[in-house]
Protein backbone atom coordinates (compact mmCIF):
# COMPACT_ATOMS: atom_id res chain seq x y z
CA MET A 1 322.99 37.92 -22.86
CA THR A 2 326.13 38.14 -24.86
CA SER A 3 329.73 37.83 -23.79
CA GLU A 4 330.46 41.19 -25.54
CA THR A 5 328.80 43.04 -22.69
CA GLY A 6 330.37 40.85 -19.97
CA ALA A 7 326.88 39.87 -18.79
CA ASP A 8 327.72 36.17 -18.83
CA ASP A 9 329.46 36.59 -15.53
CA LEU A 10 326.47 38.00 -13.74
CA ARG A 11 325.22 35.92 -10.84
CA PHE A 12 322.89 38.28 -8.89
CA LEU A 13 320.38 41.03 -9.58
CA ILE A 14 319.72 43.16 -6.53
CA ARG A 15 316.41 44.99 -6.89
CA ASP A 16 313.97 46.89 -4.67
CA ARG A 17 310.52 45.75 -3.81
CA ALA A 18 308.69 48.20 -6.08
CA GLY A 19 305.43 47.10 -7.66
CA GLN A 20 306.61 47.48 -11.18
CA PHE A 21 308.80 44.35 -10.89
CA THR A 22 306.47 41.39 -11.59
CA ALA A 23 307.01 37.66 -11.20
CA SER A 24 307.70 37.44 -14.97
CA PHE A 25 310.51 40.00 -14.55
CA ASP A 26 312.17 37.77 -11.94
CA ALA A 27 311.51 34.65 -14.03
CA ALA A 28 313.26 36.16 -17.06
CA PHE A 29 316.46 36.64 -15.04
CA SER A 30 316.12 33.29 -13.27
CA ALA A 31 315.88 31.51 -16.62
CA THR A 32 319.32 32.79 -17.53
CA GLY A 33 320.81 31.58 -14.26
CA ILE A 34 320.83 34.99 -12.51
CA GLN A 35 319.55 34.92 -8.91
CA VAL A 36 317.19 37.80 -8.09
CA VAL A 37 317.71 39.19 -4.65
CA LYS A 38 315.24 41.65 -3.18
CA MET A 39 316.49 44.40 -1.00
CA PRO A 40 315.38 44.20 2.68
CA PRO A 41 312.06 45.96 3.43
CA ARG A 42 312.30 49.38 5.11
CA CYS A 43 316.01 49.64 4.63
CA PRO A 44 316.67 52.78 2.62
CA ARG A 45 320.44 52.65 3.23
CA ALA A 46 320.71 49.41 1.23
CA ASN A 47 319.73 51.28 -1.97
CA ALA A 48 322.52 53.77 -1.26
CA TYR A 49 325.13 50.97 -1.37
CA ALA A 50 323.69 49.64 -4.62
CA GLU A 51 323.65 53.16 -6.17
CA ARG A 52 327.28 53.75 -5.11
CA PHE A 53 328.31 50.40 -6.63
CA ALA A 54 326.54 51.24 -9.93
CA LYS A 55 328.25 54.65 -10.06
CA THR A 56 331.63 53.10 -9.44
CA VAL A 57 331.16 50.49 -12.10
CA ARG A 58 329.87 53.06 -14.63
CA ARG A 59 332.77 55.36 -13.93
CA LYS A 60 335.45 52.63 -14.11
CA ALA A 61 333.99 51.09 -17.26
CA THR A 62 334.10 54.33 -19.18
CA ASP A 63 337.71 55.25 -18.23
């Protein structure tokens, strides 16, 4: 990841437990030093917080 995108500062990737995320997906991020954190099972409200954060970042980054 390049410093142009600011991705060098990323430390965590919060993801859900969907089946499309494989072990190789997690390994790709772990190799770059990003810790993959799975959302708690049966906790739909946790995704709402992640979505709200993503919206806020997207809105602030484009202003």
